[in-house]
Amino acid sequence: MNSITEEITEFLTAALRRPVAPDDDYFELGLADSLFALELVTFVEERFSIAVEVEDLDLDSFRTAERITRFVSRKTAPAGLAESRDQSA
């Protein structure tokens, strides 16, 4: 598990008050709601110094710590690298 995933997993575990694995879908498990989604987006923006734009607000990107890690990695990658990652995905 990389450091971004660890930080996100720690945040989720604390916020949801139960252990969360990197691939747990906390929305599907009924542990999170729309209010929590807003809190999660705010955490990601503040912790990783990124802006989550309206077009980024796809719930699938925020369902698991692993998906959030991929999202953060895309948003923080240099422009050319991010584009080549998107094309190969």
C-alpha atoms as a PDB file:
ATOM      1  CA  MET A   1       0.000   0.000   0.000  1.00  0.00           C
ATOM      2  CA  ASN A   2       1.469   3.366  -0.947  1.00  0.00           C
ATOM      3  CA  SER A   3       1.537   6.414   1.317  1.00  0.00           C
ATOM      4  CA  ILE A   4      -1.454   8.126  -0.339  1.00  0.00           C
ATOM      5  CA  THR A   5      -3.589   5.012   0.128  1.00  0.00           C
ATOM      6  CA  GLU A   6      -2.409   4.711   3.738  1.00  0.00           C
ATOM      7  CA  GLU A   7      -3.361   8.312   4.524  1.00  0.00           C
ATOM      8  CA  ILE A   8      -6.766   7.944   2.902  1.00  0.00           C
ATOM      9  CA  THR A   9      -7.412   4.629   4.659  1.00  0.00           C
ATOM     10  CA  GLU A  10      -6.451   6.189   8.014  1.00  0.00           C
ATOM     11  CA  PHE A  11      -8.818   9.107   7.383  1.00  0.00           C
ATOM     12  CA  LEU A  12     -11.658   6.766   6.395  1.00  0.00           C
ATOM     13  CA  THR A  13     -11.109   4.509   9.402  1.00  0.00           C
ATOM     14  CA  ALA A  14     -11.197   7.490  11.773  1.00  0.00           C
ATOM     15  CA  ALA A  15     -14.127   9.238  10.078  1.00  0.00           C
ATOM     16  CA  LEU A  16     -16.245   6.092   9.763  1.00  0.00           C
ATOM     17  CA  ARG A  17     -15.194   4.788  13.182  1.00  0.00           C
ATOM     18  CA  ARG A  18     -14.383   1.316  11.904  1.00  0.00           C
ATOM     19  CA  PRO A  19     -11.496  -0.297  10.049  1.00  0.00           C
ATOM     20  CA  VAL A  20     -11.644   0.216   6.296  1.00  0.00           C
ATOM     21  CA  ALA A  21      -9.525  -1.724   3.799  1.00  0.00           C
ATOM     22  CA  PRO A  22      -8.196   0.022   0.686  1.00  0.00           C
ATOM     23  CA  ASP A  23     -10.696  -1.773  -1.554  1.00  0.00           C
ATOM     24  CA  ASP A  24     -13.770  -1.484   0.714  1.00  0.00           C
ATOM     25  CA  ASP A  25     -16.658   0.357  -0.959  1.00  0.00           C
ATOM     26  CA  TYR A  26     -17.921   2.235   2.089  1.00  0.00           C
ATOM     27  CA  PHE A  27     -20.916   3.640   0.168  1.00  0.00           C
ATOM     28  CA  GLU A  28     -22.051   0.158  -0.884  1.00  0.00           C
ATOM     29  CA  LEU A  29     -21.508  -1.073   2.692  1.00  0.00           C
ATOM     30  CA  GLY A  30     -23.857   1.657   3.947  1.00  0.00           C
ATOM     31  CA  LEU A  31     -21.133   3.371   5.980  1.00  0.00           C
ATOM     32  CA  ALA A  32     -21.193   6.656   4.060  1.00  0.00           C
ATOM     33  CA  ASP A  33     -23.785   9.050   2.684  1.00  0.00           C
ATOM     34  CA  SER A  34     -23.807  12.230   0.579  1.00  0.00           C
ATOM     35  CA  LEU A  35     -22.778  14.384   3.529  1.00  0.00           C
ATOM     36  CA  PHE A  36     -19.762  12.149   4.095  1.00  0.00           C
ATOM     37  CA  ALA A  37     -18.945  12.379   0.376  1.00  0.00           C
ATOM     38  CA  LEU A  38     -18.644  16.158   0.764  1.00  0.00           C
ATOM     39  CA  GLU A  39     -16.388  15.705   3.798  1.00  0.00           C
ATOM     40  CA  LEU A  40     -14.260  13.236   1.831  1.00  0.00           C
ATOM     41  CA  VAL A  41     -13.874  15.598  -1.141  1.00  0.00           C
ATOM     42  CA  THR A  42     -12.873  18.407   1.242  1.00  0.00           C
ATOM     43  CA  PHE A  43     -10.283  16.147   2.902  1.00  0.00           C
ATOM     44  CA  VAL A  44      -8.804  15.158  -0.466  1.00  0.00           C
ATOM     45  CA  GLU A  45      -8.610  18.784  -1.634  1.00  0.00           C
ATOM     46  CA  GLU A  46      -6.991  20.047   1.549  1.00  0.00           C
ATOM     47  CA  ARG A  47      -4.629  17.145   2.214  1.00  0.00           C
ATOM     48  CA  PHE A  48      -3.317  16.761  -1.318  1.00  0.00           C
ATOM     49  CA  SER A  49      -3.554  20.438  -2.386  1.00  0.00           C
ATOM     50  CA  ILE A  50      -5.736  19.752  -5.393  1.00  0.00           C
ATOM     51  CA  ALA A  51      -8.965  21.220  -6.676  1.00  0.00           C
ATOM     52  CA  VAL A  52     -11.801  18.784  -7.239  1.00  0.00           C
ATOM     53  CA  GLU A  53     -13.710  20.302 -10.137  1.00  0.00           C
ATOM     54  CA  VAL A  54     -17.383  19.741 -10.922  1.00  0.00           C
ATOM     55  CA  GLU A  55     -16.408  17.363 -13.740  1.00  0.00           C
ATOM     56  CA  ASP A  56     -14.376  15.339 -11.197  1.00  0.00           C
ATOM     57  CA  LEU A  57     -17.381  14.660  -8.990  1.00  0.00           C
ATOM     58  CA  ASP A  58     -17.973  11.098 -10.139  1.00  0.00           C
ATOM     59  CA  LEU A  59     -18.853   8.989  -7.097  1.00  0.00           C
ATOM     60  CA  ASP A  60     -16.989   6.030  -8.610  1.00  0.00           C
ATOM     61  CA  SER A  61     -13.711   7.935  -8.134  1.00  0.00           C
ATOM     62  CA  PHE A  62     -14.394   8.220  -4.393  1.00  0.00           C
ATOM     63  CA  ARG A  63     -15.870   4.777  -3.541  1.00  0.00           C
ATOM     64  CA  THR A  64     -12.662   3.182  -2.215  1.00  0.00           C
ATOM     65  CA  ALA A  65      -9.280   4.344  -0.925  1.00  0.00           C
ATOM     66  CA  GLU A  66      -7.643   2.735  -3.964  1.00  0.00           C
ATOM     67  CA  ARG A  67      -9.865   4.692  -6.367  1.00  0.00           C
ATOM     68  CA  ILE A  68      -9.188   7.924  -4.494  1.00  0.00           C
ATOM     69  CA  THR A  69      -5.453   7.186  -4.720  1.00  0.00           C
ATOM     70  CA  ARG A  70      -5.729   6.829  -8.507  1.00  0.00           C
ATOM     71  CA  PHE A  71      -7.729  10.064  -8.669  1.00  0.00           C
ATOM     72  CA  VAL A  72      -5.152  11.963  -6.577  1.00  0.00           C
ATOM     73  CA  SER A  73      -2.305  10.511  -8.654  1.00  0.00           C
ATOM     74  CA  ARG A  74      -3.985  11.690 -11.876  1.00  0.00           C
ATOM     75  CA  LYS A  75      -4.625  15.166 -10.471  1.00  0.00           C
ATOM     76  CA  THR A  76      -1.083  15.606  -9.153  1.00  0.00           C
ATOM     77  CA  ALA A  77       0.777  14.114 -12.137  1.00  0.00           C
ATOM     78  CA  PRO A  78       2.543  16.447 -14.567  1.00  0.00           C
ATOM     79  CA  ALA A  79       0.172  17.341 -17.426  1.00  0.00           C
ATOM     80  CA  GLY A  80       1.740  15.148 -20.136  1.00  0.00           C
ATOM     81  CA  LEU A  81       2.063  12.153 -17.816  1.00  0.00           C
ATOM     82  CA  ALA A  82      -1.539  12.439 -16.654  1.00  0.00           C
ATOM     83  CA  GLU A  83      -2.756  12.484 -20.273  1.00  0.00           C
ATOM     84  CA  SER A  84      -0.749   9.392 -21.204  1.00  0.00           C
ATOM     85  CA  ARG A  85      -2.052   7.574 -18.097  1.00  0.00           C
ATOM     86  CA  ASP A  86      -5.640   8.426 -19.047  1.00  0.00           C
ATOM     87  CA  GLN A  87      -5.150   7.119 -22.597  1.00  0.00           C
ATOM     88  CA  SER A  88      -3.627   3.848 -21.407  1.00  0.00           C
ATOM     89  CA  ALA A  89      -6.345   3.213 -18.776  1.00  0.00           C
END
